[in-house]
Amino acid sequence: MKTIGKVIGLAAFLIATATGAAHGPGEMVIVLNSGDGTVSIVDPATRKEVKRIPVGKEPHHLMATPDNKELIVANAASNDLVFLDPKSGEILRRVPNISDPYQIGYSPDKKWFVSVSNRLDRVDIYTADFKLAKRIPTGKVPSHVAFTADSTIAFVTVQESNEFIAIDLATQKEIWKLPTGKQPAGIWMTPDDRHLLIGITGESHVEVYDWRAKKQVKKMLTGLGAHNFVARGDGRHVFLSNRMANSISMIDQQSLEVKETFNVPGGPDCMEVTKDGKQLWTTTRWIRMLTVVDLESKKVVQQIPVGKSPHGLFFLSHAPRQ
């Protein structure tokens, strides 16, 4: 009996070691539960939630600071930013009076911090130390942001106005806008800084724009609810979540073609890819789960219970962002 117990214990240890191998020692997976104002801390080795921390009202998106020492959580309804330890998820500090931060982003030169105010129909431009420089009114429900490589322009999708806008960061002024399909959301700049990809959440495709020529050049059919992007990490491919189709598509950023689409039930939304490129983790908003996908088989290998309406997702040992 002791021998059998030892074998079972060893098997459990090997499974835990393998599942956690894609992450650094002691590193946690951090999930924003926008529906209940908490952060779920998930141990990637055991694939279980170990803690749930209240952070504020409606935490939707998050990103690391440029030095990677802190993780910023944007609390849209609490009007503040909460800074977490990016490894453990513990709260470090809070920056108040950041009005309706829904989606956030630093310009590549780290000079500007852009906050997209989804509820208040505007984009707020802050300096890197969070001093407000300008508030720019937009159409209805601005959503996601992307930047040119030289940090001169920020692009913001505007969901309910079916358009995206270009903002000159030096002058903090809108300089042009273009119409899109229904409910544009995620927006992604290709590594060559040539094309913008926009997920058309109200339809089933990605629109490709030559932003210098200010024109759409292609549509790529993906799946209903085409929504958000994350880099594969190989410098060539990007993943797109199709929330209503319950699938994820992989897009070749050079040929501008959909290479494959695989099933992920529960409304996949924000994603991360492990540094070794073997796993894709995604929040699945409709079923309160964090979902793990094996990228070799393109199969869901586990779904982990978290909080209500899980949205943003982060872990430190992620794949490169291009």
C-alpha atoms as a PDB file:
ATOM      1  CA  MET A   1       0.000   0.000   0.000  1.00  0.00           C
ATOM      2  CA  LYS A   2       2.850   2.364   0.827  1.00  0.00           C
ATOM      3  CA  THR A   3       4.397   1.656  -2.584  1.00  0.00           C
ATOM      4  CA  ILE A   4       1.108   2.413  -4.375  1.00  0.00           C
ATOM      5  CA  GLY A   5       0.760   5.630  -2.390  1.00  0.00           C
ATOM      6  CA  LYS A   6       4.267   6.683  -3.342  1.00  0.00           C
ATOM      7  CA  VAL A   7       3.576   6.005  -7.037  1.00  0.00           C
ATOM      8  CA  ILE A   8       0.362   8.048  -6.952  1.00  0.00           C
ATOM      9  CA  GLY A   9       2.150  10.858  -5.128  1.00  0.00           C
ATOM     10  CA  LEU A  10       4.966  10.855  -7.659  1.00  0.00           C
ATOM     11  CA  ALA A  11       2.484  10.919 -10.553  1.00  0.00           C
ATOM     12  CA  ALA A  12       0.677  13.899  -9.022  1.00  0.00           C
ATOM     13  CA  PHE A  13       4.017  15.680  -8.534  1.00  0.00           C
ATOM     14  CA  LEU A  14       5.062  15.073 -12.152  1.00  0.00           C
ATOM     15  CA  ILE A  15       1.717  16.361 -13.481  1.00  0.00           C
ATOM     16  CA  ALA A  16       1.941  19.505 -11.350  1.00  0.00           C
ATOM     17  CA  THR A  17       5.543  20.065 -12.473  1.00  0.00           C
ATOM     18  CA  ALA A  18       4.639  19.669 -16.146  1.00  0.00           C
ATOM     19  CA  THR A  19       1.619  21.969 -15.998  1.00  0.00           C
ATOM     20  CA  GLY A  20       3.593  24.657 -14.235  1.00  0.00           C
ATOM     21  CA  ALA A  21       6.727  24.346 -16.386  1.00  0.00           C
ATOM     22  CA  ALA A  22       5.564  27.052 -18.785  1.00  0.00           C
ATOM     23  CA  HIS A  23       5.633  29.587 -15.929  1.00  0.00           C
ATOM     24  CA  GLY A  24       8.400  30.860 -13.671  1.00  0.00           C
ATOM     25  CA  PRO A  25       8.866  29.654 -10.072  1.00  0.00           C
ATOM     26  CA  GLY A  26       6.195  31.084  -7.792  1.00  0.00           C
ATOM     27  CA  GLU A  27       4.542  32.920 -10.671  1.00  0.00           C
ATOM     28  CA  MET A  28       0.763  33.297 -10.588  1.00  0.00           C
ATOM     29  CA  VAL A  29      -1.807  33.807 -13.352  1.00  0.00           C
ATOM     30  CA  ILE A  30      -3.812  37.008 -12.770  1.00  0.00           C
ATOM     31  CA  VAL A  31      -7.422  37.268 -13.951  1.00  0.00           C
ATOM     32  CA  LEU A  32      -9.703  40.317 -13.751  1.00  0.00           C
ATOM     33  CA  ASN A  33     -13.288  39.496 -12.802  1.00  0.00           C
ATOM     34  CA  SER A  34     -15.057  42.581 -14.138  1.00  0.00           C
ATOM     35  CA  GLY A  35     -18.478  41.471 -12.896  1.00  0.00           C
ATOM     36  CA  ASP A  36     -17.582  41.263  -9.214  1.00  0.00           C
ATOM     37  CA  GLY A  37     -14.670  43.700  -8.909  1.00  0.00           C
ATOM     38  CA  THR A  38     -12.025  41.161  -7.978  1.00  0.00           C
ATOM     39  CA  VAL A  39      -8.783  39.624  -9.157  1.00  0.00           C
ATOM     40  CA  SER A  40      -8.420  35.849  -9.216  1.00  0.00           C
ATOM     41  CA  ILE A  41      -4.931  34.560  -8.410  1.00  0.00           C
ATOM     42  CA  VAL A  42      -4.460  31.191 -10.117  1.00  0.00           C
ATOM     43  CA  ASP A  43      -1.574  28.797  -9.480  1.00  0.00           C
ATOM     44  CA  PRO A  44      -0.503  27.474 -12.920  1.00  0.00           C
ATOM     45  CA  ALA A  45       1.074  24.378 -11.370  1.00  0.00           C
ATOM     46  CA  THR A  46      -2.103  23.132  -9.685  1.00  0.00           C
ATOM     47  CA  ARG A  47      -4.416  25.029 -12.057  1.00  0.00           C
ATOM     48  CA  LYS A  48      -6.554  26.202  -9.177  1.00  0.00           C
ATOM     49  CA  GLU A  49      -7.612  29.617  -7.898  1.00  0.00           C
ATOM     50  CA  VAL A  50      -5.722  30.191  -4.659  1.00  0.00           C
ATOM     51  CA  LYS A  51      -6.988  33.640  -3.773  1.00  0.00           C
ATOM     52  CA  ARG A  52      -9.535  36.256  -4.829  1.00  0.00           C
ATOM     53  CA  ILE A  53      -8.733  39.897  -4.049  1.00  0.00           C
ATOM     54  CA  PRO A  54     -11.157  42.872  -4.226  1.00  0.00           C
ATOM     55  CA  VAL A  55      -9.591  45.642  -6.339  1.00  0.00           C
ATOM     56  CA  GLY A  56     -12.396  48.047  -7.327  1.00  0.00           C
ATOM     57  CA  LYS A  57     -15.420  48.364  -9.564  1.00  0.00           C
ATOM     58  CA  GLU A  58     -15.319  46.954 -13.092  1.00  0.00           C
ATOM     59  CA  PRO A  59     -11.689  46.002 -13.640  1.00  0.00           C
ATOM     60  CA  HIS A  60     -11.636  45.225 -17.365  1.00  0.00           C
ATOM     61  CA  HIS A  61      -8.104  45.559 -18.742  1.00  0.00           C
ATOM     62  CA  LEU A  62      -4.566  45.430 -17.417  1.00  0.00           C
ATOM     63  CA  MET A  63      -1.001  45.856 -18.590  1.00  0.00           C
ATOM     64  CA  ALA A  64       2.529  45.801 -17.196  1.00  0.00           C
ATOM     65  CA  THR A  65       4.425  49.028 -16.644  1.00  0.00           C
ATOM     66  CA  PRO A  66       7.245  49.604 -19.166  1.00  0.00           C
ATOM     67  CA  ASP A  67       9.848  48.338 -16.669  1.00  0.00           C
ATOM     68  CA  ASN A  68       7.740  45.211 -16.002  1.00  0.00           C
ATOM     69  CA  LYS A  69       7.950  45.817 -12.258  1.00  0.00           C
ATOM     70  CA  GLU A  70       4.248  46.489 -11.728  1.00  0.00           C
ATOM     71  CA  LEU A  71       0.972  45.392 -13.261  1.00  0.00           C
ATOM     72  CA  ILE A  72      -1.657  48.105 -13.818  1.00  0.00           C
ATOM     73  CA  VAL A  73      -5.327  47.225 -13.355  1.00  0.00           C
ATOM     74  CA  ALA A  74      -7.792  49.759 -14.773  1.00  0.00           C
ATOM     75  CA  ASN A  75     -10.948  50.065 -12.631  1.00  0.00           C
ATOM     76  CA  ALA A  76     -13.450  51.701 -14.976  1.00  0.00           C
ATOM     77  CA  ALA A  77     -16.233  52.342 -12.458  1.00  0.00           C
ATOM     78  CA  SER A  78     -13.941  53.137  -9.506  1.00  0.00           C
ATOM     79  CA  ASN A  79     -12.059  55.742 -11.563  1.00  0.00           C
ATOM     80  CA  ASP A  80      -8.612  54.605 -10.483  1.00  0.00           C
ATOM     81  CA  LEU A  81      -5.623  52.422 -11.272  1.00  0.00           C
ATOM     82  CA  VAL A  82      -4.430  49.657  -8.970  1.00  0.00           C
ATOM     83  CA  PHE A  83      -0.837  48.453  -9.213  1.00  0.00           C
ATOM     84  CA  LEU A  84      -0.131  44.793  -8.510  1.00  0.00           C
ATOM     85  CA  ASP A  85       2.989  42.710  -8.117  1.00  0.00           C
ATOM     86  CA  PRO A  86       3.094  41.100 -11.603  1.00  0.00           C
ATOM     87  CA  LYS A  87       4.341  37.805 -10.187  1.00  0.00           C
ATOM     88  CA  SER A  88       2.124  37.303  -7.138  1.00  0.00           C
ATOM     89  CA  GLY A  89      -0.839  39.601  -7.858  1.00  0.00           C
ATOM     90  CA  GLU A  90      -0.588  41.316  -4.464  1.00  0.00           C
ATOM     91  CA  ILE A  91      -1.702  44.974  -4.359  1.00  0.00           C
ATOM     92  CA  LEU A  92       1.199  47.443  -4.189  1.00  0.00           C
ATOM     93  CA  ARG A  93      -0.387  50.882  -4.594  1.00  0.00           C
ATOM     94  CA  ARG A  94      -3.267  52.837  -6.069  1.00  0.00           C
ATOM     95  CA  VAL A  95      -3.472  55.946  -8.297  1.00  0.00           C
ATOM     96  CA  PRO A  96      -6.816  57.759  -7.843  1.00  0.00           C
ATOM     97  CA  ASN A  97      -8.691  60.181 -10.086  1.00  0.00           C
ATOM     98  CA  ILE A  98      -8.162  58.400 -13.394  1.00  0.00           C
ATOM     99  CA  SER A  99     -11.579  58.899 -14.933  1.00  0.00           C
ATOM    100  CA  ASP A 100     -13.263  55.782 -16.395  1.00  0.00           C
ATOM    101  CA  PRO A 101     -10.137  53.843 -17.448  1.00  0.00           C
ATOM    102  CA  TYR A 102     -11.522  51.006 -19.565  1.00  0.00           C
ATOM    103  CA  GLN A 103      -8.696  50.130 -21.982  1.00  0.00           C
ATOM    104  CA  ILE A 104      -5.203  51.481 -21.314  1.00  0.00           C
ATOM    105  CA  GLY A 105      -1.877  51.652 -23.123  1.00  0.00           C
ATOM    106  CA  TYR A 106       1.584  53.230 -23.087  1.00  0.00           C
ATOM    107  CA  SER A 107       2.962  54.698 -26.279  1.00  0.00           C
ATOM    108  CA  PRO A 108       6.058  52.729 -27.406  1.00  0.00           C
ATOM    109  CA  ASP A 109       8.351  55.600 -26.402  1.00  0.00           C
ATOM    110  CA  LYS A 110       6.805  55.417 -22.884  1.00  0.00           C
ATOM    111  CA  LYS A 111       6.030  59.145 -22.974  1.00  0.00           C
ATOM    112  CA  TRP A 112       2.216  58.917 -23.031  1.00  0.00           C
ATOM    113  CA  PHE A 113      -0.326  56.871 -21.098  1.00  0.00           C
ATOM    114  CA  VAL A 114      -3.624  56.593 -22.955  1.00  0.00           C
ATOM    115  CA  SER A 115      -6.883  55.771 -21.166  1.00  0.00           C
ATOM    116  CA  VAL A 116      -9.934  54.905 -23.255  1.00  0.00           C
ATOM    117  CA  SER A 117     -13.068  56.017 -21.397  1.00  0.00           C
ATOM    118  CA  ASN A 118     -15.646  53.585 -22.707  1.00  0.00           C
ATOM    119  CA  ARG A 119     -18.535  54.880 -20.593  1.00  0.00           C
ATOM    120  CA  LEU A 120     -17.820  58.606 -20.987  1.00  0.00           C
ATOM    121  CA  ASP A 121     -17.164  58.648 -24.764  1.00  0.00           C
ATOM    122  CA  ARG A 122     -13.690  60.131 -24.716  1.00  0.00           C
ATOM    123  CA  VAL A 123      -9.974  59.362 -24.764  1.00  0.00           C
ATOM    124  CA  ASP A 124      -7.792  60.775 -22.005  1.00  0.00           C
ATOM    125  CA  ILE A 125      -4.096  61.417 -22.668  1.00  0.00           C
ATOM    126  CA  TYR A 126      -1.823  61.410 -19.608  1.00  0.00           C
ATOM    127  CA  THR A 127       1.892  61.905 -19.224  1.00  0.00           C
ATOM    128  CA  ALA A 128       3.826  58.846 -18.076  1.00  0.00           C
ATOM    129  CA  ASP A 129       3.477  59.976 -14.445  1.00  0.00           C
ATOM    130  CA  PHE A 130      -0.346  60.152 -14.795  1.00  0.00           C
ATOM    131  CA  LYS A 131      -0.829  63.885 -15.146  1.00  0.00           C
ATOM    132  CA  LEU A 132      -3.755  64.666 -17.444  1.00  0.00           C
ATOM    133  CA  ALA A 133      -2.645  66.366 -20.676  1.00  0.00           C
ATOM    134  CA  LYS A 134      -5.878  66.360 -22.711  1.00  0.00           C
ATOM    135  CA  ARG A 135      -9.379  64.938 -22.923  1.00  0.00           C
ATOM    136  CA  ILE A 136     -10.532  64.162 -26.440  1.00  0.00           C
ATOM    137  CA  PRO A 137     -14.259  63.587 -27.096  1.00  0.00           C
ATOM    138  CA  THR A 138     -15.113  60.660 -29.363  1.00  0.00           C
ATOM    139  CA  GLY A 139     -18.175  58.964 -30.783  1.00  0.00           C
ATOM    140  CA  LYS A 140     -20.133  56.409 -28.767  1.00  0.00           C
ATOM    141  CA  VAL A 141     -18.273  53.812 -26.712  1.00  0.00           C
ATOM    142  CA  PRO A 142     -14.561  54.037 -27.539  1.00  0.00           C
ATOM    143  CA  SER A 143     -12.986  50.644 -26.978  1.00  0.00           C
ATOM    144  CA  HIS A 144      -9.370  49.606 -27.702  1.00  0.00           C
ATOM    145  CA  VAL A 145      -6.105  51.356 -28.562  1.00  0.00           C
ATOM    146  CA  ALA A 146      -3.007  50.734 -30.696  1.00  0.00           C
ATOM    147  CA  PHE A 147       0.021  52.870 -31.601  1.00  0.00           C
ATOM    148  CA  THR A 148       2.414  53.537 -34.439  1.00  0.00           C
ATOM    149  CA  ALA A 149       5.933  52.284 -33.788  1.00  0.00           C
ATOM    150  CA  ASP A 150       7.289  55.838 -33.608  1.00  0.00           C
ATOM    151  CA  SER A 151       4.649  56.868 -31.029  1.00  0.00           C
ATOM    152  CA  THR A 152       3.261  59.684 -33.167  1.00  0.00           C
ATOM    153  CA  ILE A 153      -0.297  58.344 -33.517  1.00  0.00           C
ATOM    154  CA  ALA A 154      -2.744  56.469 -31.282  1.00  0.00           C
ATOM    155  CA  PHE A 155      -5.634  54.636 -32.957  1.00  0.00           C
ATOM    156  CA  VAL A 156      -8.857  54.005 -31.040  1.00  0.00           C
ATOM    157  CA  THR A 157     -11.854  51.929 -32.097  1.00  0.00           C
ATOM    158  CA  VAL A 158     -15.287  53.419 -31.361  1.00  0.00           C
ATOM    159  CA  GLN A 159     -17.754  50.558 -31.000  1.00  0.00           C
ATOM    160  CA  GLU A 160     -21.180  52.112 -31.252  1.00  0.00           C
ATOM    161  CA  SER A 161     -20.183  54.706 -33.856  1.00  0.00           C
ATOM    162  CA  ASN A 162     -18.714  52.005 -36.127  1.00  0.00           C
ATOM    163  CA  GLU A 163     -15.457  53.806 -36.768  1.00  0.00           C
ATOM    164  CA  PHE A 164     -11.882  54.194 -35.611  1.00  0.00           C
ATOM    165  CA  ILE A 165     -10.012  57.433 -35.043  1.00  0.00           C
ATOM    166  CA  ALA A 166      -6.411  58.585 -35.264  1.00  0.00           C
ATOM    167  CA  ILE A 167      -5.030  60.874 -32.550  1.00  0.00           C
ATOM    168  CA  ASP A 168      -1.844  62.908 -32.929  1.00  0.00           C
ATOM    169  CA  LEU A 169      -0.075  62.385 -29.591  1.00  0.00           C
ATOM    170  CA  ALA A 170       2.091  65.511 -29.837  1.00  0.00           C
ATOM    171  CA  THR A 171      -0.905  67.843 -30.219  1.00  0.00           C
ATOM    172  CA  GLN A 172      -3.467  65.548 -28.524  1.00  0.00           C
ATOM    173  CA  LYS A 173      -5.949  66.124 -31.350  1.00  0.00           C
ATOM    174  CA  GLU A 174      -8.032  63.804 -33.484  1.00  0.00           C
ATOM    175  CA  ILE A 175      -6.623  64.059 -37.009  1.00  0.00           C
ATOM    176  CA  TRP A 176      -8.887  61.680 -38.948  1.00  0.00           C
ATOM    177  CA  LYS A 177     -11.414  58.870 -38.710  1.00  0.00           C
ATOM    178  CA  LEU A 178     -12.576  55.999 -40.903  1.00  0.00           C
ATOM    179  CA  PRO A 179     -15.818  53.980 -40.929  1.00  0.00           C
ATOM    180  CA  THR A 180     -15.748  50.275 -40.035  1.00  0.00           C
ATOM    181  CA  GLY A 181     -18.140  47.345 -39.722  1.00  0.00           C
ATOM    182  CA  LYS A 182     -20.432  46.917 -36.717  1.00  0.00           C
ATOM    183  CA  GLN A 183     -18.886  47.293 -33.263  1.00  0.00           C
ATOM    184  CA  PRO A 184     -15.143  47.469 -33.884  1.00  0.00           C
ATOM    185  CA  ALA A 185     -13.219  46.404 -30.776  1.00  0.00           C
ATOM    186  CA  GLY A 186      -9.694  44.969 -30.662  1.00  0.00           C
ATOM    187  CA  ILE A 187      -7.135  46.820 -32.763  1.00  0.00           C
ATOM    188  CA  TRP A 188      -3.654  45.529 -33.588  1.00  0.00           C
ATOM    189  CA  MET A 189      -0.640  46.970 -35.399  1.00  0.00           C
ATOM    190  CA  THR A 190       1.335  44.477 -37.488  1.00  0.00           C
ATOM    191  CA  PRO A 191       5.075  44.186 -36.662  1.00  0.00           C
ATOM    192  CA  ASP A 192       6.043  45.970 -39.884  1.00  0.00           C
ATOM    193  CA  ASP A 193       3.977  49.004 -38.763  1.00  0.00           C
ATOM    194  CA  ARG A 194       2.113  48.835 -42.059  1.00  0.00           C
ATOM    195  CA  HIS A 195      -1.352  47.485 -41.317  1.00  0.00           C
ATOM    196  CA  LEU A 196      -3.967  47.782 -38.598  1.00  0.00           C
ATOM    197  CA  LEU A 197      -6.135  44.767 -37.853  1.00  0.00           C
ATOM    198  CA  ILE A 198      -9.559  45.467 -36.317  1.00  0.00           C
ATOM    199  CA  GLY A 199     -11.841  42.831 -34.811  1.00  0.00           C
ATOM    200  CA  ILE A 200     -15.429  43.515 -35.875  1.00  0.00           C
ATOM    201  CA  THR A 201     -17.320  42.204 -32.849  1.00  0.00           C
ATOM    202  CA  GLY A 202     -20.768  42.873 -34.283  1.00  0.00           C
ATOM    203  CA  GLU A 203     -19.930  40.725 -37.289  1.00  0.00           C
ATOM    204  CA  SER A 204     -17.627  37.791 -38.127  1.00  0.00           C
ATOM    205  CA  HIS A 205     -14.443  39.220 -39.547  1.00  0.00           C
ATOM    206  CA  VAL A 206     -11.268  41.241 -39.156  1.00  0.00           C
ATOM    207  CA  GLU A 207     -10.815  44.374 -41.239  1.00  0.00           C
ATOM    208  CA  VAL A 208      -7.311  45.248 -42.452  1.00  0.00           C
ATOM    209  CA  TYR A 209      -6.358  48.897 -42.970  1.00  0.00           C
ATOM    210  CA  ASP A 210      -3.423  50.574 -44.628  1.00  0.00           C
ATOM    211  CA  TRP A 211      -3.398  53.401 -42.108  1.00  0.00           C
ATOM    212  CA  ARG A 212      -1.033  55.594 -44.095  1.00  0.00           C
ATOM    213  CA  ALA A 213      -3.298  55.442 -47.160  1.00  0.00           C
ATOM    214  CA  LYS A 214      -6.359  55.686 -44.875  1.00  0.00           C
ATOM    215  CA  LYS A 215      -8.176  52.838 -46.576  1.00  0.00           C
ATOM    216  CA  GLN A 216      -9.402  49.322 -45.926  1.00  0.00           C
ATOM    217  CA  VAL A 217      -7.471  46.751 -47.952  1.00  0.00           C
ATOM    218  CA  LYS A 218      -8.945  43.432 -46.872  1.00  0.00           C
ATOM    219  CA  LYS A 219     -11.508  41.524 -44.813  1.00  0.00           C
ATOM    220  CA  MET A 220     -10.688  38.192 -43.188  1.00  0.00           C
ATOM    221  CA  LEU A 221     -13.541  35.903 -42.135  1.00  0.00           C
ATOM    222  CA  THR A 222     -12.875  34.536 -38.637  1.00  0.00           C
ATOM    223  CA  GLY A 223     -16.004  33.948 -36.546  1.00  0.00           C
ATOM    224  CA  LEU A 224     -18.959  35.731 -34.976  1.00  0.00           C
ATOM    225  CA  GLY A 225     -17.924  38.226 -32.328  1.00  0.00           C
ATOM    226  CA  ALA A 226     -14.378  38.826 -33.652  1.00  0.00           C
ATOM    227  CA  HIS A 227     -12.940  40.657 -30.698  1.00  0.00           C
ATOM    228  CA  ASN A 228      -9.411  40.809 -29.308  1.00  0.00           C
ATOM    229  CA  PHE A 229      -5.798  40.031 -30.239  1.00  0.00           C
ATOM    230  CA  VAL A 230      -2.637  38.619 -28.707  1.00  0.00           C
ATOM    231  CA  ALA A 231       0.680  37.830 -30.392  1.00  0.00           C
ATOM    232  CA  ARG A 232       1.650  34.211 -31.058  1.00  0.00           C
ATOM    233  CA  GLY A 233       5.155  35.290 -30.087  1.00  0.00           C
ATOM    234  CA  ASP A 234       6.898  34.144 -33.265  1.00  0.00           C
ATOM    235  CA  GLY A 235       6.979  37.581 -34.918  1.00  0.00           C
ATOM    236  CA  ARG A 236       4.532  36.461 -37.594  1.00  0.00           C
ATOM    237  CA  HIS A 237       1.215  35.229 -36.217  1.00  0.00           C
ATOM    238  CA  VAL A 238      -1.466  36.748 -34.002  1.00  0.00           C
ATOM    239  CA  PHE A 239      -4.428  35.107 -32.283  1.00  0.00           C
ATOM    240  CA  LEU A 240      -7.948  36.562 -32.379  1.00  0.00           C
ATOM    241  CA  SER A 241     -10.792  35.607 -30.029  1.00  0.00           C
ATOM    242  CA  ASN A 242     -14.249  35.135 -31.570  1.00  0.00           C
ATOM    243  CA  ARG A 243     -16.502  35.563 -28.549  1.00  0.00           C
ATOM    244  CA  MET A 244     -19.874  34.523 -29.999  1.00  0.00           C
ATOM    245  CA  ALA A 245     -18.489  31.782 -32.232  1.00  0.00           C
ATOM    246  CA  ASN A 246     -16.638  30.234 -29.264  1.00  0.00           C
ATOM    247  CA  SER A 247     -13.433  29.998 -31.238  1.00  0.00           C
ATOM    248  CA  ILE A 248      -9.944  31.436 -31.663  1.00  0.00           C
ATOM    249  CA  SER A 249      -8.351  32.174 -35.045  1.00  0.00           C
ATOM    250  CA  MET A 250      -4.662  32.430 -35.896  1.00  0.00           C
ATOM    251  CA  ILE A 251      -3.771  35.083 -38.475  1.00  0.00           C
ATOM    252  CA  ASP A 252      -0.581  35.347 -40.544  1.00  0.00           C
ATOM    253  CA  GLN A 253       0.466  39.000 -40.283  1.00  0.00           C
ATOM    254  CA  GLN A 254       2.585  38.823 -43.444  1.00  0.00           C
ATOM    255  CA  SER A 255       0.136  37.193 -45.858  1.00  0.00           C
ATOM    256  CA  LEU A 256      -2.885  38.651 -44.017  1.00  0.00           C
ATOM    257  CA  GLU A 257      -4.657  35.305 -44.067  1.00  0.00           C
ATOM    258  CA  VAL A 258      -6.443  33.216 -41.450  1.00  0.00           C
ATOM    259  CA  LYS A 259      -4.323  30.084 -41.060  1.00  0.00           C
ATOM    260  CA  GLU A 260      -6.617  28.141 -38.733  1.00  0.00           C
ATOM    261  CA  THR A 261      -9.520  28.422 -36.301  1.00  0.00           C
ATOM    262  CA  PHE A 262     -10.129  26.135 -33.318  1.00  0.00           C
ATOM    263  CA  ASN A 263     -12.960  25.769 -30.810  1.00  0.00           C
ATOM    264  CA  VAL A 264     -12.849  27.311 -27.330  1.00  0.00           C
ATOM    265  CA  PRO A 265     -16.235  27.194 -25.569  1.00  0.00           C
ATOM    266  CA  GLY A 266     -17.558  29.837 -23.194  1.00  0.00           C
ATOM    267  CA  GLY A 267     -16.898  33.134 -24.970  1.00  0.00           C
ATOM    268  CA  PRO A 268     -13.095  33.548 -25.254  1.00  0.00           C
ATOM    269  CA  ASP A 269     -11.948  37.132 -24.718  1.00  0.00           C
ATOM    270  CA  CYS A 270      -8.505  38.256 -23.501  1.00  0.00           C
ATOM    271  CA  MET A 271      -5.596  35.864 -24.034  1.00  0.00           C
ATOM    272  CA  GLU A 272      -1.985  35.181 -23.067  1.00  0.00           C
ATOM    273  CA  VAL A 273       0.507  32.791 -24.654  1.00  0.00           C
ATOM    274  CA  THR A 274       3.158  31.115 -22.515  1.00  0.00           C
ATOM    275  CA  LYS A 275       6.769  32.028 -23.135  1.00  0.00           C
ATOM    276  CA  ASP A 276       7.540  28.556 -24.501  1.00  0.00           C
ATOM    277  CA  GLY A 277       4.719  28.952 -27.042  1.00  0.00           C
ATOM    278  CA  LYS A 278       3.020  25.716 -26.000  1.00  0.00           C
ATOM    279  CA  GLN A 279      -0.121  27.010 -24.276  1.00  0.00           C
ATOM    280  CA  LEU A 280      -2.728  29.676 -24.831  1.00  0.00           C
ATOM    281  CA  TRP A 281      -4.683  30.827 -21.771  1.00  0.00           C
ATOM    282  CA  THR A 282      -7.912  32.778 -22.252  1.00  0.00           C
ATOM    283  CA  THR A 283     -10.684  34.199 -20.135  1.00  0.00           C
ATOM    284  CA  THR A 284     -14.071  32.759 -21.103  1.00  0.00           C
ATOM    285  CA  ARG A 285     -16.541  35.425 -20.055  1.00  0.00           C
ATOM    286  CA  TRP A 286     -19.864  33.658 -20.355  1.00  0.00           C
ATOM    287  CA  ILE A 287     -19.034  30.705 -18.082  1.00  0.00           C
ATOM    288  CA  ARG A 288     -16.776  32.249 -15.382  1.00  0.00           C
ATOM    289  CA  MET A 289     -13.786  30.177 -16.425  1.00  0.00           C
ATOM    290  CA  LEU A 290     -10.107  30.570 -17.235  1.00  0.00           C
ATOM    291  CA  THR A 291      -9.422  28.210 -20.138  1.00  0.00           C
ATOM    292  CA  VAL A 292      -6.122  26.541 -21.069  1.00  0.00           C
ATOM    293  CA  VAL A 293      -5.499  25.461 -24.682  1.00  0.00           C
ATOM    294  CA  ASP A 294      -2.695  23.165 -25.830  1.00  0.00           C
ATOM    295  CA  LEU A 295      -1.349  24.825 -28.981  1.00  0.00           C
ATOM    296  CA  GLU A 296       0.008  21.630 -30.511  1.00  0.00           C
ATOM    297  CA  SER A 297      -3.320  19.810 -30.481  1.00  0.00           C
ATOM    298  CA  LYS A 298      -5.466  22.996 -30.510  1.00  0.00           C
ATOM    299  CA  LYS A 299      -7.570  21.398 -27.790  1.00  0.00           C
ATOM    300  CA  VAL A 300      -8.892  22.755 -24.508  1.00  0.00           C
ATOM    301  CA  VAL A 301      -7.060  20.881 -21.751  1.00  0.00           C
ATOM    302  CA  GLN A 302      -8.586  22.565 -18.700  1.00  0.00           C
ATOM    303  CA  GLN A 303     -11.122  25.131 -17.535  1.00  0.00           C
ATOM    304  CA  ILE A 304     -10.538  26.747 -14.132  1.00  0.00           C
ATOM    305  CA  PRO A 305     -13.387  28.400 -12.180  1.00  0.00           C
ATOM    306  CA  VAL A 306     -12.793  32.108 -11.446  1.00  0.00           C
ATOM    307  CA  GLY A 307     -15.058  35.105 -10.745  1.00  0.00           C
ATOM    308  CA  LYS A 308     -17.930  36.745 -12.591  1.00  0.00           C
ATOM    309  CA  SER A 309     -17.339  37.878 -16.177  1.00  0.00           C
ATOM    310  CA  PRO A 310     -13.559  37.278 -16.340  1.00  0.00           C
ATOM    311  CA  HIS A 311     -11.949  39.728 -18.750  1.00  0.00           C
ATOM    312  CA  GLY A 312      -8.295  40.836 -18.546  1.00  0.00           C
ATOM    313  CA  LEU A 313      -5.554  38.221 -18.111  1.00  0.00           C
ATOM    314  CA  PHE A 314      -1.812  38.361 -17.400  1.00  0.00           C
ATOM    315  CA  PHE A 315       1.174  36.250 -16.435  1.00  0.00           C
ATOM    316  CA  LEU A 316       4.788  37.336 -16.331  1.00  0.00           C
ATOM    317  CA  SER A 317       6.296  34.556 -18.475  1.00  0.00           C
ATOM    318  CA  HIS A 318       4.343  35.425 -21.609  1.00  0.00           C
ATOM    319  CA  ALA A 319       5.405  35.137 -25.216  1.00  0.00           C
ATOM    320  CA  PRO A 320       6.882  38.182 -26.998  1.00  0.00           C
ATOM    321  CA  ARG A 321       4.268  40.796 -27.913  1.00  0.00           C
ATOM    322  CA  GLN A 322       4.844  40.485 -31.665  1.00  0.00           C
END
